[in-house]
Every structure is written in structure tokens, then in C-alpha cells.
N, C-alpha and C. Protein backbone atom coordinates (compact mmCIF):
# COMPACT_ATOMS: atom_id res chain seq x y z
N UNK A 1 -0.86 135.14 74.92
CA UNK A 1 -0.27 135.92 76.15
C UNK A 1 -0.39 137.40 75.57
N UNK A 2 -0.97 138.31 76.24
CA UNK A 2 -1.10 139.54 75.91
C UNK A 2 -0.12 140.61 76.71
N UNK A 3 0.65 141.30 76.21
CA UNK A 3 1.37 142.24 77.07
C UNK A 3 0.85 143.55 76.78
N UNK A 4 0.47 144.19 77.93
CA UNK A 4 -0.14 145.55 78.04
C UNK A 4 0.87 146.69 78.80
N UNK A 5 0.85 147.71 78.15
CA UNK A 5 1.84 148.83 78.69
C UNK A 5 1.04 149.93 78.78
N UNK A 6 0.88 150.60 79.96
CA UNK A 6 0.15 151.89 79.92
C UNK A 6 1.12 152.96 79.93
N UNK A 7 0.77 153.94 79.30
CA UNK A 7 1.75 155.15 79.23
C UNK A 7 1.62 155.81 80.46
N UNK A 8 2.90 156.20 80.79
CA UNK A 8 3.05 157.00 82.06
C UNK A 8 3.06 158.51 81.56
N UNK A 9 2.80 159.33 82.49
CA UNK A 9 2.64 160.81 82.32
C UNK A 9 3.94 161.25 81.82
N UNK A 10 3.68 161.92 80.42
CA UNK A 10 4.81 162.51 79.80
C UNK A 10 5.70 161.57 79.13
N UNK A 11 5.44 160.32 79.08
CA UNK A 11 6.35 159.41 78.49
C UNK A 11 6.26 159.38 76.86
N UNK A 12 7.49 159.38 76.30
CA UNK A 12 7.49 159.62 74.69
C UNK A 12 7.15 158.03 74.21
N UNK A 13 6.88 158.09 72.89
CA UNK A 13 6.60 156.86 72.18
C UNK A 13 8.03 155.89 72.20
N UNK A 14 9.04 156.60 72.17
CA UNK A 14 10.25 155.90 72.16
C UNK A 14 10.61 155.16 73.60
N UNK A 15 10.18 155.79 74.55
CA UNK A 15 10.32 155.28 75.79
C UNK A 15 9.27 154.03 76.16
N UNK A 16 7.99 154.15 75.61
CA UNK A 16 7.22 153.08 75.55
C UNK A 16 7.58 151.91 74.87
N UNK A 17 8.10 152.15 73.59
CA UNK A 17 8.66 151.03 72.85
C UNK A 17 9.81 150.22 73.58
N UNK A 18 10.64 151.06 74.19
CA UNK A 18 11.87 150.45 74.88
C UNK A 18 11.19 149.62 76.13
N UNK A 19 10.27 150.14 76.90
CA UNK A 19 9.82 149.33 77.87
C UNK A 19 8.92 147.93 77.30
N UNK A 20 8.34 148.16 76.20
CA UNK A 20 7.83 146.97 75.50
C UNK A 20 8.57 146.03 75.24
N UNK A 21 9.80 146.41 74.55
CA UNK A 21 10.80 145.34 74.09
C UNK A 21 11.52 144.62 75.33
N UNK A 22 11.68 145.37 76.31
CA UNK A 22 12.27 144.63 77.59
C UNK A 22 11.37 143.73 78.02
N UNK A 23 10.10 144.05 78.21
CA UNK A 23 8.98 143.11 78.65
C UNK A 23 8.92 141.96 77.79
N UNK A 24 9.03 142.04 76.32
CA UNK A 24 9.05 140.89 75.54
C UNK A 24 10.24 140.05 75.73
N UNK A 25 11.36 140.66 75.93
CA UNK A 25 12.67 139.95 76.17
C UNK A 25 12.53 139.25 77.55
N UNK A 26 11.95 139.94 78.51
CA UNK A 26 11.75 139.12 79.85
C UNK A 26 10.85 138.06 79.70
N UNK A 27 9.67 137.97 78.97
CA UNK A 27 8.93 137.01 79.01
C UNK A 27 9.45 135.88 78.03
N UNK A 28 10.41 136.23 77.25
CA UNK A 28 11.04 135.09 76.36
C UNK A 28 10.30 135.17 75.07
N UNK A 29 9.35 136.10 74.59
CA UNK A 29 8.81 136.17 73.54
C UNK A 29 9.63 136.20 72.25
N UNK A 30 10.72 136.88 72.23
CA UNK A 30 11.57 137.19 71.12
C UNK A 30 12.35 135.89 70.87
N UNK A 31 12.70 135.33 71.92
CA UNK A 31 13.50 133.95 71.78
C UNK A 31 12.44 132.77 71.10
N UNK A 32 11.26 132.86 71.65
CA UNK A 32 10.39 131.87 70.98
C UNK A 32 10.02 132.36 69.62
N UNK A 33 9.79 133.40 69.21
CA UNK A 33 9.42 133.83 67.75
C UNK A 33 10.67 133.40 66.96
N UNK A 34 11.82 133.70 67.38
CA UNK A 34 12.92 133.37 66.46
C UNK A 34 13.07 131.83 66.35
N UNK A 35 12.82 131.16 67.38
CA UNK A 35 12.99 129.68 67.42
C UNK A 35 11.78 129.01 66.49
N UNK A 36 10.65 129.63 66.29
CA UNK A 36 9.64 129.17 65.43
C UNK A 36 9.56 129.95 64.01
N UNK A 37 10.50 130.69 63.77
CA UNK A 37 10.60 131.26 62.42
C UNK A 37 10.57 130.65 61.36
N UNK A 38 11.60 129.51 61.45
CA UNK A 38 11.81 128.47 60.37
C UNK A 38 11.39 127.17 60.85
N UNK A 39 10.88 126.26 59.91
CA UNK A 39 10.77 124.96 60.48
C UNK A 39 11.98 124.23 60.52
N UNK A 40 11.95 123.27 61.59
CA UNK A 40 13.15 122.60 61.98
C UNK A 40 12.71 121.08 61.94
N UNK A 41 13.39 120.24 61.14
CA UNK A 41 13.07 118.91 60.99
C UNK A 41 13.18 118.20 62.53
N UNK A 42 12.45 117.22 62.83
CA UNK A 42 12.60 116.60 64.12
C UNK A 42 13.89 115.96 64.31
N UNK A 43 14.59 115.62 63.28
CA UNK A 43 15.90 114.82 63.30
C UNK A 43 16.92 116.01 63.79
N UNK A 44 16.80 117.22 62.99
CA UNK A 44 17.69 118.34 63.45
C UNK A 44 17.42 118.79 64.94
N UNK A 45 16.09 118.85 65.32
CA UNK A 45 15.89 119.12 66.59
C UNK A 45 16.47 118.06 67.70
N UNK A 46 16.42 116.93 67.46
CA UNK A 46 17.12 116.04 68.22
C UNK A 46 18.62 116.17 68.35
N UNK A 47 19.17 116.32 67.14
CA UNK A 47 20.60 116.55 67.05
C UNK A 47 21.11 117.81 67.88
N UNK A 48 20.27 118.84 67.52
CA UNK A 48 20.76 120.08 68.47
C UNK A 48 20.49 119.93 69.94
N UNK A 49 19.55 119.10 70.41
CA UNK A 49 19.36 118.91 71.81
C UNK A 49 20.57 117.98 72.31
N UNK A 50 20.93 116.96 71.40
CA UNK A 50 22.03 116.14 71.84
C UNK A 50 23.37 116.90 71.97
N UNK A 51 23.61 117.89 71.15
CA UNK A 51 24.88 118.74 71.10
C UNK A 51 24.74 119.57 72.34
N UNK A 52 23.50 119.91 72.73
CA UNK A 52 23.60 120.98 73.88
C UNK A 52 23.64 120.11 75.27
N UNK A 53 23.29 119.04 75.15
CA UNK A 53 23.45 118.24 76.47
C UNK A 53 24.86 117.44 76.52
N UNK A 54 25.47 117.39 75.47
CA UNK A 54 26.80 116.72 75.54
C UNK A 54 27.77 117.46 76.47
N UNK A 55 28.58 116.51 77.12
CA UNK A 55 29.54 117.18 77.98
C UNK A 55 30.55 118.10 77.34
N UNK A 56 30.93 118.88 77.85
CA UNK A 56 31.76 120.06 77.24
C UNK A 56 33.42 119.77 77.81
N UNK A 57 34.19 120.07 76.89
CA UNK A 57 35.63 119.80 77.46
C UNK A 57 36.31 121.15 77.72
């Protein structure tokens, strides 16, 4: 998945970076990268999924 951003007339590098970060967040890339940053054992993954789906009080 490639995200391309074209520079608008008179747009600074800071503004480009801000738009790029917003697009990455919108596409879910930052969340996916953080999720894959460290290895998670399958048992831990199942435990986390069970906690997430458990009824809340």
C-alpha cells in the first residue's frame, strides 16, 4: 500500500508531513505498525481477544 501526497502550491514541508501523518492514521497504518512491532505469542493473542470480547460490567 503506497500513500502518495502531491505538494500543493506554496505548501511547506511541515504541512506536507502533517497531511501525510493524517493519511497514515486514517488508513490505519500506524496502528498496524505498532501491532506488529513486537512478536506476540499466539496464546497471548487469544487471551487479549478473549478479554476484549468479554462482557463489561
